[in-house]
PDB file of N, CA and C in Angstrom:
ATOM      1  N   MET A   1       0.852  -1.173   0.000  1.00  0.00           N
ATOM      2  CA  MET A   1       0.000   0.000   0.000  1.00  0.00           C
ATOM      3  C   MET A   1       0.888   1.222   0.000  1.00  0.00           C
ATOM      4  N   ASP A   2       0.759   2.055  -1.015  1.00  0.00           N
ATOM      5  CA  ASP A   2       1.491   3.315  -1.059  1.00  0.00           C
ATOM      6  C   ASP A   2       0.713   4.353  -0.277  1.00  0.00           C
ATOM      7  N   SER A   3       1.426   5.145   0.543  1.00  0.00           N
ATOM      8  CA  SER A   3       0.720   6.194   1.273  1.00  0.00           C
ATOM      9  C   SER A   3       1.552   7.458   1.390  1.00  0.00           C
ATOM     10  N   ALA A   4       2.585   7.581   0.591  1.00  0.00           N
ATOM     11  CA  ALA A   4       3.447   8.764   0.657  1.00  0.00           C
ATOM     12  C   ALA A   4       2.850   9.902  -0.159  1.00  0.00           C
ATOM     13  N   PRO A   5       3.083  11.149   0.291  1.00  0.00           N
ATOM     14  CA  PRO A   5       2.604  12.283  -0.509  1.00  0.00           C
ATOM     15  C   PRO A   5       3.330  12.303  -1.845  1.00  0.00           C
ATOM     16  N   SER A   6       2.669  12.831  -2.861  1.00  0.00           N
ATOM     17  CA  SER A   6       3.302  12.900  -4.175  1.00  0.00           C
ATOM     18  C   SER A   6       4.346  14.014  -4.171  1.00  0.00           C
ATOM     19  N   ALA A   7       5.197  14.036  -5.199  1.00  0.00           N
ATOM     20  CA  ALA A   7       6.253  15.043  -5.297  1.00  0.00           C
ATOM     21  C   ALA A   7       5.675  16.453  -5.384  1.00  0.00           C
ATOM     22  N   SER A   8       4.467  16.574  -5.903  1.00  0.00           N
ATOM     23  CA  SER A   8       3.849  17.896  -6.046  1.00  0.00           C
ATOM     24  C   SER A   8       3.257  18.398  -4.732  1.00  0.00           C
ATOM     25  N   GLY A   9       3.318  17.594  -3.693  1.00  0.00           N
ATOM     26  CA  GLY A   9       2.790  18.007  -2.407  1.00  0.00           C
ATOM     27  C   GLY A   9       1.300  17.769  -2.259  1.00  0.00           C
ATOM     28  N   SER A  10       0.691  17.080  -3.209  1.00  0.00           N
ATOM     29  CA  SER A  10      -0.738  16.788  -3.091  1.00  0.00           C
ATOM     30  C   SER A  10      -0.956  15.814  -1.937  1.00  0.00           C
ATOM     31  N   PRO A  11      -2.191  15.667  -1.481  1.00  0.00           N
ATOM     32  CA  PRO A  11      -2.451  14.799  -0.328  1.00  0.00           C
ATOM     33  C   PRO A  11      -1.938  13.381  -0.548  1.00  0.00           C
ATOM     34  N   ARG A  12      -1.652  12.700   0.548  1.00  0.00           N
ATOM     35  CA  ARG A  12      -1.181  11.322   0.427  1.00  0.00           C
ATOM     36  C   ARG A  12      -2.266  10.480  -0.213  1.00  0.00           C
ATOM     37  N   GLN A  13      -1.834   9.438  -0.876  1.00  0.00           N
ATOM     38  CA  GLN A  13      -2.789   8.565  -1.539  1.00  0.00           C
ATOM     39  C   GLN A  13      -2.535   7.127  -1.145  1.00  0.00           C
ATOM     40  N   TYR A  14      -3.630   6.399  -1.032  1.00  0.00           N
ATOM     41  CA  TYR A  14      -3.591   4.972  -0.772  1.00  0.00           C
ATOM     42  C   TYR A  14      -3.994   4.301  -2.078  1.00  0.00           C
ATOM     43  N   VAL A  15      -3.134   3.435  -2.585  1.00  0.00           N
ATOM     44  CA  VAL A  15      -3.358   2.826  -3.889  1.00  0.00           C
ATOM     45  C   VAL A  15      -3.686   1.347  -3.725  1.00  0.00           C
ATOM     46  N   CYS A  16      -4.790   0.943  -4.321  1.00  0.00           N
ATOM     47  CA  CYS A  16      -5.229  -0.449  -4.257  1.00  0.00           C
ATOM     48  C   CYS A  16      -4.265  -1.322  -5.054  1.00  0.00           C
ATOM     49  N   GLU A  17      -3.747  -2.343  -4.411  1.00  0.00           N
ATOM     50  CA  GLU A  17      -2.797  -3.235  -5.084  1.00  0.00           C
ATOM     51  C   GLU A  17      -3.476  -4.172  -6.076  1.00  0.00           C
ATOM     52  N   PHE A  18      -4.805  -4.234  -6.052  1.00  0.00           N
ATOM     53  CA  PHE A  18      -5.533  -5.107  -6.969  1.00  0.00           C
ATOM     54  C   PHE A  18      -5.914  -4.405  -8.274  1.00  0.00           C
ATOM     55  N   CYS A  19      -6.284  -3.117  -8.189  1.00  0.00           N
ATOM     56  CA  CYS A  19      -6.769  -2.422  -9.389  1.00  0.00           C
ATOM     57  C   CYS A  19      -6.121  -1.055  -9.602  1.00  0.00           C
ATOM     58  N   ASN A  20      -5.199  -0.675  -8.734  1.00  0.00           N
ATOM     59  CA  ASN A  20      -4.467   0.595  -8.822  1.00  0.00           C
ATOM     60  C   ASN A  20      -5.321   1.847  -8.622  1.00  0.00           C
ATOM     61  N   ARG A  21      -6.528   1.697  -8.125  1.00  0.00           N
ATOM     62  CA  ARG A  21      -7.347   2.874  -7.827  1.00  0.00           C
ATOM     63  C   ARG A  21      -6.763   3.569  -6.600  1.00  0.00           C
ATOM     64  N   ALA A  22      -6.724   4.899  -6.638  1.00  0.00           N
ATOM     65  CA  ALA A  22      -6.111   5.666  -5.550  1.00  0.00           C
ATOM     66  C   ALA A  22      -7.171   6.369  -4.706  1.00  0.00           C
ATOM     67  N   PHE A  23      -6.894   6.464  -3.405  1.00  0.00           N
ATOM     68  CA  PHE A  23      -7.797   7.100  -2.451  1.00  0.00           C
ATOM     69  C   PHE A  23      -7.009   8.043  -1.563  1.00  0.00           C
ATOM     70  N   GLU A  24      -7.599   9.173  -1.230  1.00  0.00           N
ATOM     71  CA  GLU A  24      -6.957  10.116  -0.318  1.00  0.00           C
ATOM     72  C   GLU A  24      -7.220   9.741   1.132  1.00  0.00           C
ATOM     73  N   LYS A  25      -8.348   9.122   1.392  1.00  0.00           N
ATOM     74  CA  LYS A  25      -8.722   8.778   2.768  1.00  0.00           C
ATOM     75  C   LYS A  25      -8.528   7.285   3.011  1.00  0.00           C
ATOM     76  N   ARG A  26      -7.903   6.965   4.138  1.00  0.00           N
ATOM     77  CA  ARG A  26      -7.624   5.569   4.459  1.00  0.00           C
ATOM     78  C   ARG A  26      -8.909   4.747   4.584  1.00  0.00           C
ATOM     79  N   TYR A  27      -9.958   5.325   5.224  1.00  0.00           N
ATOM     80  CA  TYR A  27     -11.191   4.559   5.407  1.00  0.00           C
ATOM     81  C   TYR A  27     -11.819   4.208   4.054  1.00  0.00           C
ATOM     82  N   ALA A  28     -11.741   5.126   3.081  1.00  0.00           N
ATOM     83  CA  ALA A  28     -12.289   4.851   1.751  1.00  0.00           C
ATOM     84  C   ALA A  28     -11.469   3.758   1.060  1.00  0.00           C
ATOM     85  N   PHE A  29     -10.160   3.824   1.236  1.00  0.00           N
ATOM     86  CA  PHE A  29      -9.284   2.794   0.676  1.00  0.00           C
ATOM     87  C   PHE A  29      -9.607   1.430   1.277  1.00  0.00           C
ATOM     88  N   ASN A  30      -9.728   1.359   2.605  1.00  0.00           N
ATOM     89  CA  ASN A  30     -10.011   0.080   3.262  1.00  0.00           C
ATOM     90  C   ASN A  30     -11.365  -0.484   2.846  1.00  0.00           C
ATOM     91  N   ARG A  31     -12.358   0.386   2.734  1.00  0.00           N
ATOM     92  CA  ARG A  31     -13.683  -0.066   2.309  1.00  0.00           C
ATOM     93  C   ARG A  31     -13.604  -0.627   0.887  1.00  0.00           C
ATOM     94  N   HIS A  32     -12.925   0.081   0.005  1.00  0.00           N
ATOM     95  CA  HIS A  32     -12.775  -0.376  -1.376  1.00  0.00           C
ATOM     96  C   HIS A  32     -12.022  -1.708  -1.432  1.00  0.00           C
ATOM     97  N   ARG A  33     -10.947  -1.813  -0.692  1.00  0.00           N
ATOM     98  CA  ARG A  33     -10.107  -3.017  -0.722  1.00  0.00           C
ATOM     99  C   ARG A  33     -10.898  -4.269  -0.356  1.00  0.00           C
ATOM    100  N   GLY A  34     -11.877  -4.094   0.542  1.00  0.00           N
ATOM    101  CA  GLY A  34     -12.719  -5.220   0.937  1.00  0.00           C
ATOM    102  C   GLY A  34     -13.485  -5.836  -0.222  1.00  0.00           C
ATOM    103  N   LYS A  35     -13.732  -5.047  -1.272  1.00  0.00           N
ATOM    104  CA  LYS A  35     -14.408  -5.590  -2.452  1.00  0.00           C
ATOM    105  C   LYS A  35     -13.565  -6.678  -3.097  1.00  0.00           C
ATOM    106  N   HIS A  36     -12.252  -6.528  -2.981  1.00  0.00           N
ATOM    107  CA  HIS A  36     -11.348  -7.507  -3.571  1.00  0.00           C
ATOM    108  C   HIS A  36     -11.075  -8.672  -2.623  1.00  0.00           C
ATOM    109  N   THR A  37     -10.904  -8.377  -1.344  1.00  0.00           N
ATOM    110  CA  THR A  37     -10.478  -9.413  -0.402  1.00  0.00           C
ATOM    111  C   THR A  37     -11.631 -10.188   0.212  1.00  0.00           C
ATOM    112  N   LYS A  38     -12.825  -9.603   0.270  1.00  0.00           N
ATOM    113  CA  LYS A  38     -14.011 -10.234   0.860  1.00  0.00           C
ATOM    114  C   LYS A  38     -13.629 -11.001   2.130  1.00  0.00           C
ATOM    115  N   PRO A  39     -13.356 -10.277   3.203  1.00  0.00           N
ATOM    116  CA  PRO A  39     -12.804 -10.883   4.408  1.00  0.00           C
ATOM    117  C   PRO A  39     -13.754 -11.756   5.231  1.00  0.00           C
ATOM    118  N   LEU A  40     -15.063 -11.648   5.024  1.00  0.00           N
ATOM    119  CA  LEU A  40     -16.003 -12.416   5.842  1.00  0.00           C
ATOM    120  C   LEU A  40     -16.393 -13.719   5.154  1.00  0.00           C
ATOM    121  N   LYS A  41     -16.404 -14.803   5.925  1.00  0.00           N
ATOM    122  CA  LYS A  41     -16.747 -16.119   5.381  1.00  0.00           C
ATOM    123  C   LYS A  41     -18.124 -16.546   5.868  1.00  0.00           C
ATOM    124  N   CYS A  42     -18.800 -17.322   5.047  1.00  0.00           N
ATOM    125  CA  CYS A  42     -20.083 -17.897   5.439  1.00  0.00           C
ATOM    126  C   CYS A  42     -19.855 -18.818   6.634  1.00  0.00           C
ATOM    127  N   PRO A  43     -20.731 -18.755   7.654  1.00  0.00           N
ATOM    128  CA  PRO A  43     -20.559 -19.646   8.804  1.00  0.00           C
ATOM    129  C   PRO A  43     -20.726 -21.124   8.450  1.00  0.00           C
ATOM    130  N   LYS A  44     -21.228 -21.412   7.265  1.00  0.00           N
ATOM    131  CA  LYS A  44     -21.352 -22.802   6.825  1.00  0.00           C
ATOM    132  C   LYS A  44     -20.104 -23.258   6.064  1.00  0.00           C
ATOM    133  N   GLU A  45     -19.030 -22.495   6.141  1.00  0.00           N
ATOM    134  CA  GLU A  45     -17.790 -22.854   5.456  1.00  0.00           C
ATOM    135  C   GLU A  45     -17.297 -24.251   5.853  1.00  0.00           C
ATOM    136  N   PRO A  46     -17.352 -24.627   7.141  1.00  0.00           N
ATOM    137  CA  PRO A  46     -16.888 -25.973   7.494  1.00  0.00           C
ATOM    138  C   PRO A  46     -17.641 -27.090   6.764  1.00  0.00           C
ATOM    139  N   GLU A  47     -18.870 -26.810   6.332  1.00  0.00           N
ATOM    140  CA  GLU A  47     -19.639 -27.810   5.581  1.00  0.00           C
ATOM    141  C   GLU A  47     -19.455 -27.657   4.074  1.00  0.00           C
ATOM    142  N   GLY A  48     -18.564 -26.764   3.656  1.00  0.00           N
ATOM    143  CA  GLY A  48     -18.240 -26.657   2.240  1.00  0.00           C
ATOM    144  C   GLY A  48     -18.712 -25.413   1.511  1.00  0.00           C
ATOM    145  N   CYS A  49     -19.399 -24.497   2.179  1.00  0.00           N
ATOM    146  CA  CYS A  49     -19.841 -23.276   1.501  1.00  0.00           C
ATOM    147  C   CYS A  49     -18.636 -22.354   1.316  1.00  0.00           C
ATOM    148  N   THR A  50     -18.441 -21.877   0.119  1.00  0.00           N
ATOM    149  CA  THR A  50     -17.277 -21.043  -0.190  1.00  0.00           C
ATOM    150  C   THR A  50     -17.617 -19.558  -0.312  1.00  0.00           C
ATOM    151  N   TYR A  51     -18.839 -19.164   0.039  1.00  0.00           N
ATOM    152  CA  TYR A  51     -19.252 -17.764  -0.104  1.00  0.00           C
ATOM    153  C   TYR A  51     -18.451 -16.865   0.825  1.00  0.00           C
ATOM    154  N   ARG A  52     -18.017 -15.731   0.279  1.00  0.00           N
ATOM    155  CA  ARG A  52     -17.303 -14.712   1.054  1.00  0.00           C
ATOM    156  C   ARG A  52     -17.927 -13.363   0.744  1.00  0.00           C
ATOM    157  N   ALA A  53     -17.843 -12.446   1.701  1.00  0.00           N
ATOM    158  CA  ALA A  53     -18.454 -11.133   1.514  1.00  0.00           C
ATOM    159  C   ALA A  53     -17.626 -10.055   2.184  1.00  0.00           C
ATOM    160  N   GLN A  54     -17.950  -8.829   1.831  1.00  0.00           N
ATOM    161  CA  GLN A  54     -17.273  -7.682   2.419  1.00  0.00           C
ATOM    162  C   GLN A  54     -17.982  -7.211   3.685  1.00  0.00           C
ATOM    163  N   PHE A  55     -19.316  -7.326   3.717  1.00  0.00           N
ATOM    164  CA  PHE A  55     -20.092  -6.787   4.832  1.00  0.00           C
ATOM    165  C   PHE A  55     -20.982  -7.856   5.460  1.00  0.00           C
ATOM    166  N   ASN A  56     -21.281  -7.691   6.754  1.00  0.00           N
ATOM    167  CA  ASN A  56     -22.155  -8.630   7.460  1.00  0.00           C
ATOM    168  C   ASN A  56     -23.530  -8.728   6.816  1.00  0.00           C
ATOM    169  N   LYS A  57     -24.069  -7.614   6.329  1.00  0.00           N
ATOM    170  CA  LYS A  57     -25.401  -7.665   5.728  1.00  0.00           C
ATOM    171  C   LYS A  57     -25.410  -8.569   4.492  1.00  0.00           C
ATOM    172  N   GLU A  58     -24.289  -8.645   3.775  1.00  0.00           N
ATOM    173  CA  GLU A  58     -24.202  -9.542   2.625  1.00  0.00           C
ATOM    174  C   GLU A  58     -24.203 -10.998   3.077  1.00  0.00           C
ATOM    175  N   ILE A  59     -23.508 -11.275   4.179  1.00  0.00           N
ATOM    176  CA  ILE A  59     -23.498 -12.631   4.737  1.00  0.00           C
ATOM    177  C   ILE A  59     -24.913 -13.027   5.145  1.00  0.00           C
ATOM    178  N   GLU A  60     -25.632 -12.127   5.814  1.00  0.00           N
ATOM    179  CA  GLU A  60     -26.997 -12.433   6.254  1.00  0.00           C
ATOM    180  C   GLU A  60     -27.918 -12.689   5.061  1.00  0.00           C
ATOM    181  N   LYS A  61     -27.809 -11.884   4.013  1.00  0.00           N
ATOM    182  CA  LYS A  61     -28.626 -12.109   2.818  1.00  0.00           C
ATOM    183  C   LYS A  61     -28.314 -13.481   2.225  1.00  0.00           C
ATOM    184  N   HIS A  62     -27.043 -13.827   2.178  1.00  0.00           N
ATOM    185  CA  HIS A  62     -26.628 -15.131   1.655  1.00  0.00           C
ATOM    186  C   HIS A  62     -27.216 -16.260   2.501  1.00  0.00           C
ATOM    187  N   ILE A  63     -27.084 -16.144   3.815  1.00  0.00           N
ATOM    188  CA  ILE A  63     -27.592 -17.193   4.709  1.00  0.00           C
ATOM    189  C   ILE A  63     -29.084 -17.406   4.499  1.00  0.00           C
ATOM    190  N   TRP A  64     -29.851 -16.307   4.446  1.00  0.00           N
ATOM    191  CA  TRP A  64     -31.304 -16.429   4.310  1.00  0.00           C
ATOM    192  C   TRP A  64     -31.728 -16.786   2.892  1.00  0.00           C
ATOM    193  N   SER A  65     -30.791 -16.796   1.945  1.00  0.00           N
ATOM    194  CA  SER A  65     -31.091 -17.251   0.586  1.00  0.00           C
ATOM    195  C   SER A  65     -30.687 -18.704   0.380  1.00  0.00           C
ATOM    196  N   ARG A  66     -29.562 -19.090   0.957  1.00  0.00           N
ATOM    197  CA  ARG A  66     -28.986 -20.412   0.685  1.00  0.00           C
ATOM    198  C   ARG A  66     -29.057 -21.405   1.843  1.00  0.00           C
ATOM    199  N   HIS A  67     -29.183 -20.915   3.058  1.00  0.00           N
ATOM    200  CA  HIS A  67     -29.145 -21.797   4.230  1.00  0.00           C
ATOM    201  C   HIS A  67     -30.312 -21.507   5.176  1.00  0.00           C
ATOM    202  N   VAL A  68     -31.518 -21.383   4.626  1.00  0.00           N
ATOM    203  CA  VAL A  68     -32.690 -20.983   5.411  1.00  0.00           C
ATOM    204  C   VAL A  68     -32.950 -21.954   6.560  1.00  0.00           C
ATOM    205  N   LYS A  69     -32.950 -23.243   6.275  1.00  0.00           N
ATOM    206  CA  LYS A  69     -33.239 -24.239   7.316  1.00  0.00           C
ATOM    207  C   LYS A  69     -32.226 -24.124   8.453  1.00  0.00           C
ATOM    208  N   TRP A  70     -30.956 -24.024   8.113  1.00  0.00           N
ATOM    209  CA  TRP A  70     -29.911 -23.884   9.127  1.00  0.00           C
ATOM    210  C   TRP A  70     -30.109 -22.605   9.932  1.00  0.00           C
ATOM    211  N   ALA A  71     -30.436 -21.506   9.252  1.00  0.00           N
ATOM    212  CA  ALA A  71     -30.648 -20.222   9.935  1.00  0.00           C
ATOM    213  C   ALA A  71     -31.780 -20.334  10.945  1.00  0.00           C
ATOM    214  N   GLU A  72     -32.850 -21.005  10.553  1.00  0.00           N
ATOM    215  CA  GLU A  72     -33.981 -21.184  11.467  1.00  0.00           C
ATOM    216  C   GLU A  72     -33.613 -22.104  12.626  1.00  0.00           C
ATOM    217  N   GLU A  73     -32.905 -23.197  12.328  1.00  0.00           N
ATOM    218  CA  GLU A  73     -32.516 -24.153  13.376  1.00  0.00           C
ATOM    219  C   GLU A  73     -31.564 -23.537  14.392  1.00  0.00           C
ATOM    220  N   THR A  74     -30.757 -22.589  13.965  1.00  0.00           N
ATOM    221  CA  THR A  74     -29.786 -21.969  14.872  1.00  0.00           C
ATOM    222  C   THR A  74     -30.291 -20.646  15.447  1.00  0.00           C
ATOM    223  N   ASN A  75     -31.587 -20.378  15.237  1.00  0.00           N
ATOM    224  CA  ASN A  75     -32.238 -19.185  15.799  1.00  0.00           C
ATOM    225  C   ASN A  75     -31.573 -17.871  15.400  1.00  0.00           C
ATOM    226  N   ARG A  76     -31.130 -17.788  14.156  1.00  0.00           N
ATOM    227  CA  ARG A  76     -30.609 -16.503  13.658  1.00  0.00           C
ATOM    228  C   ARG A  76     -31.760 -15.520  13.560  1.00  0.00           C
ATOM    229  N   THR A  77     -31.472 -14.269  13.771  1.00  0.00           N
ATOM    230  CA  THR A  77     -32.501 -13.238  13.670  1.00  0.00           C
ATOM    231  C   THR A  77     -32.950 -13.123  12.218  1.00  0.00           C
ATOM    232  N   PRO A  78     -34.231 -13.325  11.963  1.00  0.00           N
ATOM    233  CA  PRO A  78     -34.714 -13.244  10.578  1.00  0.00           C
ATOM    234  C   PRO A  78     -34.549 -11.839  10.006  1.00  0.00           C
ATOM    235  N   ILE A  79     -34.349 -11.781   8.710  1.00  0.00           N
ATOM    236  CA  ILE A  79     -34.247 -10.490   8.036  1.00  0.00           C
ATOM    237  C   ILE A  79     -35.458 -10.281   7.131  1.00  0.00           C
ATOM    238  N   ARG A  80     -36.483 -11.093   7.333  1.00  0.00           N
ATOM    239  CA  ARG A  80     -37.693 -10.992   6.516  1.00  0.00           C
ATOM    240  C   ARG A  80     -38.307  -9.605   6.634  1.00  0.00           C
ATOM    241  N   LYS A  81     -38.959  -9.188   5.563  1.00  0.00           N
ATOM    242  CA  LYS A  81     -39.684  -7.917   5.547  1.00  0.00           C
ATOM    243  C   LYS A  81     -41.075  -8.165   4.980  1.00  0.00           C
ATOM    244  N   GLN A  82     -42.023  -7.360   5.417  1.00  0.00           N
ATOM    245  CA  GLN A  82     -43.397  -7.491   4.953  1.00  0.00           C
ATOM    246  C   GLN A  82     -43.754  -6.311   4.050  1.00  0.00           C
ATOM    247  N   CYS A  83     -44.444  -6.613   2.951  1.00  0.00           N
ATOM    248  CA  CYS A  83     -44.897  -5.565   2.043  1.00  0.00           C
ATOM    249  C   CYS A  83     -45.959  -4.732   2.749  1.00  0.00           C
ATOM    250  N   ARG A  84     -45.807  -3.418   2.706  1.00  0.00           N
ATOM    251  CA  ARG A  84     -46.750  -2.527   3.387  1.00  0.00           C
ATOM    252  C   ARG A  84     -48.068  -2.407   2.638  1.00  0.00           C
ATOM    253  N   ILE A  85     -48.119  -2.886   1.396  1.00  0.00           N
ATOM    254  CA  ILE A  85     -49.348  -2.784   0.610  1.00  0.00           C
ATOM    255  C   ILE A  85     -50.189  -4.056   0.705  1.00  0.00           C
ATOM    256  N   CYS A  86     -49.583  -5.205   0.420  1.00  0.00           N
ATOM    257  CA  CYS A  86     -50.375  -6.440   0.376  1.00  0.00           C
ATOM    258  C   CYS A  86     -50.088  -7.398   1.524  1.00  0.00           C
ATOM    259  N   GLY A  87     -49.046  -7.127   2.302  1.00  0.00           N
ATOM    260  CA  GLY A  87     -48.761  -7.954   3.469  1.00  0.00           C
ATOM    261  C   GLY A  87     -47.931  -9.194   3.212  1.00  0.00           C
ATOM    262  N   VAL A  88     -47.562  -9.456   1.964  1.00  0.00           N
ATOM    263  CA  VAL A  88     -46.744 -10.634   1.684  1.00  0.00           C
ATOM    264  C   VAL A  88     -45.412 -10.502   2.430  1.00  0.00           C
ATOM    265  N   ILE A  89     -44.912 -11.628   2.929  1.00  0.00           N
ATOM    266  CA  ILE A  89     -43.642 -11.634   3.650  1.00  0.00           C
ATOM    267  C   ILE A  89     -42.556 -12.125   2.703  1.00  0.00           C
ATOM    268  N   LEU A  90     -41.487 -11.348   2.622  1.00  0.00           N
ATOM    269  CA  LEU A  90     -40.370 -11.670   1.739  1.00  0.00           C
ATOM    270  C   LEU A  90     -39.166 -12.053   2.584  1.00  0.00           C
ATOM    271  N   GLU A  91     -38.441 -13.056   2.137  1.00  0.00           N
ATOM    272  CA  GLU A  91     -37.329 -13.600   2.923  1.00  0.00           C
ATOM    273  C   GLU A  91     -36.185 -12.617   3.117  1.00  0.00           C
ATOM    274  N   ARG A  92     -35.978 -11.725   2.148  1.00  0.00           N
ATOM    275  CA  ARG A  92     -34.865 -10.783   2.244  1.00  0.00           C
ATOM    276  C   ARG A  92     -35.345  -9.367   1.982  1.00  0.00           C
ATOM    277  N   PRO A  93     -34.790  -8.395   2.693  1.00  0.00           N
ATOM    278  CA  PRO A  93     -35.212  -7.009   2.506  1.00  0.00           C
ATOM    279  C   PRO A  93     -35.021  -6.491   1.083  1.00  0.00           C
ATOM    280  N   ASP A  94     -33.980  -6.958   0.393  1.00  0.00           N
ATOM    281  CA  ASP A  94     -33.751  -6.460  -0.961  1.00  0.00           C
ATOM    282  C   ASP A  94     -34.808  -6.957  -1.940  1.00  0.00           C
ATOM    283  N   ASN A  95     -35.550  -8.001  -1.564  1.00  0.00           N
ATOM    284  CA  ASN A  95     -36.613  -8.488  -2.436  1.00  0.00           C
ATOM    285  C   ASN A  95     -37.866  -7.622  -2.359  1.00  0.00           C
ATOM    286  N   VAL A  96     -37.969  -6.777  -1.332  1.00  0.00           N
ATOM    287  CA  VAL A  96     -39.132  -5.903  -1.202  1.00  0.00           C
ATOM    288  C   VAL A  96     -39.195  -4.929  -2.373  1.00  0.00           C
ATOM    289  N   LYS A  97     -38.070  -4.336  -2.733  1.00  0.00           N
ATOM    290  CA  LYS A  97     -38.064  -3.388  -3.862  1.00  0.00           C
ATOM    291  C   LYS A  97     -38.480  -4.088  -5.141  1.00  0.00           C
ATOM    292  N   ARG A  98     -37.949  -5.270  -5.393  1.00  0.00           N
ATOM    293  CA  ARG A  98     -38.318  -6.019  -6.595  1.00  0.00           C
ATOM    294  C   ARG A  98     -39.817  -6.320  -6.582  1.00  0.00           C
ATOM    295  N   HIS A  99     -40.321  -6.759  -5.436  1.00  0.00           N
ATOM    296  CA  HIS A  99     -41.744  -7.055  -5.293  1.00  0.00           C
ATOM    297  C   HIS A  99     -42.582  -5.804  -5.570  1.00  0.00           C
ATOM    298  N   MET A 100     -42.203  -4.682  -4.975  1.00  0.00           N
ATOM    299  CA  MET A 100     -42.944  -3.432  -5.173  1.00  0.00           C
ATOM    300  C   MET A 100     -42.952  -3.040  -6.650  1.00  0.00           C
ATOM    301  N   ASP A 101     -41.794  -3.128  -7.293  1.00  0.00           N
ATOM    302  CA  ASP A 101     -41.697  -2.766  -8.708  1.00  0.00           C
ATOM    303  C   ASP A 101     -42.555  -3.679  -9.579  1.00  0.00           C
ATOM    304  N   GLU A 102     -42.396  -4.985  -9.405  1.00  0.00           N
ATOM    305  CA  GLU A 102     -43.042  -5.931 -10.305  1.00  0.00           C
ATOM    306  C   GLU A 102     -44.526  -6.125 -10.023  1.00  0.00           C
ATOM    307  N   VAL A 103     -44.917  -6.142  -8.758  1.00  0.00           N
ATOM    308  CA  VAL A 103     -46.307  -6.436  -8.417  1.00  0.00           C
ATOM    309  C   VAL A 103     -47.155  -5.172  -8.341  1.00  0.00           C
ATOM    310  N   HIS A 104     -46.679  -4.193  -7.634  1.00  0.00           N
ATOM    311  CA  HIS A 104     -47.507  -3.016  -7.392  1.00  0.00           C
ATOM    312  C   HIS A 104     -47.267  -1.887  -8.391  1.00  0.00           C
ATOM    313  N   ASN A 105     -46.075  -1.771  -8.925  1.00  0.00           N
ATOM    314  CA  ASN A 105     -45.781  -0.711  -9.893  1.00  0.00           C
ATOM    315  C   ASN A 105     -45.738  -1.226 -11.323  1.00  0.00           C
ATOM    316  N   LYS A 106     -45.897  -2.546 -11.489  1.00  0.00           N
ATOM    317  CA  LYS A 106     -45.941  -3.195 -12.808  1.00  0.00           C
ATOM    318  C   LYS A 106     -44.707  -2.909 -13.660  1.00  0.00           C
ATOM    319  N   ILE A 107     -43.545  -2.889 -13.017  1.00  0.00           N
ATOM    320  CA  ILE A 107     -42.285  -2.682 -13.724  1.00  0.00           C
ATOM    321  C   ILE A 107     -41.555  -4.019 -13.771  1.00  0.00           C
ATOM    322  N   LYS A 108     -41.262  -4.497 -14.959  1.00  0.00           N
ATOM    323  CA  LYS A 108     -40.522  -5.748 -15.095  1.00  0.00           C
ATOM    324  C   LYS A 108     -39.039  -5.443 -15.180  1.00  0.00           C
ATOM    325  N   ARG A 109     -38.259  -6.131 -14.390  1.00  0.00           N
ATOM    326  CA  ARG A 109     -36.808  -5.954 -14.425  1.00  0.00           C
ATOM    327  C   ARG A 109     -36.214  -6.896 -15.453  1.00  0.00           C
ATOM    328  N   LYS A 110     -35.127  -6.451 -16.044  1.00  0.00           N
ATOM    329  CA  LYS A 110     -34.385  -7.335 -16.938  1.00  0.00           C
ATOM    330  C   LYS A 110     -33.652  -8.341 -16.075  1.00  0.00           C
ATOM    331  N   ARG A 111     -33.711  -9.570 -16.453  1.00  0.00           N
ATOM    332  CA  ARG A 111     -33.034 -10.615 -15.691  1.00  0.00           C
ATOM    333  C   ARG A 111     -31.911 -11.194 -16.533  1.00  0.00           C
ATOM    334  N   GLY A 112     -30.945 -11.773 -15.836  1.00  0.00           N
ATOM    335  CA  GLY A 112     -29.806 -12.370 -16.515  1.00  0.00           C
ATOM    336  C   GLY A 112     -30.197 -13.636 -17.248  1.00  0.00           C
ATOM    337  N   PRO A 113     -29.223 -14.341 -17.808  1.00  0.00           N
ATOM    338  CA  PRO A 113     -29.472 -15.541 -18.602  1.00  0.00           C
ATOM    339  C   PRO A 113     -30.220 -16.634 -17.844  1.00  0.00           C
ATOM    340  N   GLY A 114     -30.060 -16.702 -16.519  1.00  0.00           N
ATOM    341  CA  GLY A 114     -30.698 -17.773 -15.752  1.00  0.00           C
ATOM    342  C   GLY A 114     -32.098 -17.455 -15.281  1.00  0.00           C
ATOM    343  N   GLY A 115     -32.593 -16.242 -15.460  1.00  0.00           N
ATOM    344  CA  GLY A 115     -33.869 -15.916 -14.863  1.00  0.00           C
ATOM    345  C   GLY A 115     -34.702 -15.081 -15.661  1.00  0.00           C
TER     346      GLY A 115
END
């Protein structure tokens, strides 16, 4: 990690060793670097899950998408959200926006090759 001021006296920069993007603030550099290193592991790693994430909220979304039974058996705090219009319960908070768009606002999202 480079952090020396430049010869022109401009602020010090932190340079990402993965993509060479430069940051003036250390916290911004560290946050960005996590995109490459994904320091958090799925708690089901001992059973073979290889998912890694940068933030805890990403781990929780993964758990409630891929390991629902385990999450319920281990009494993890649910992240389910309820639609304020029709009351349907969605397993993940990020699915609420999709539900609102597609069901109540009649907006179809483009989906990738698998969906």
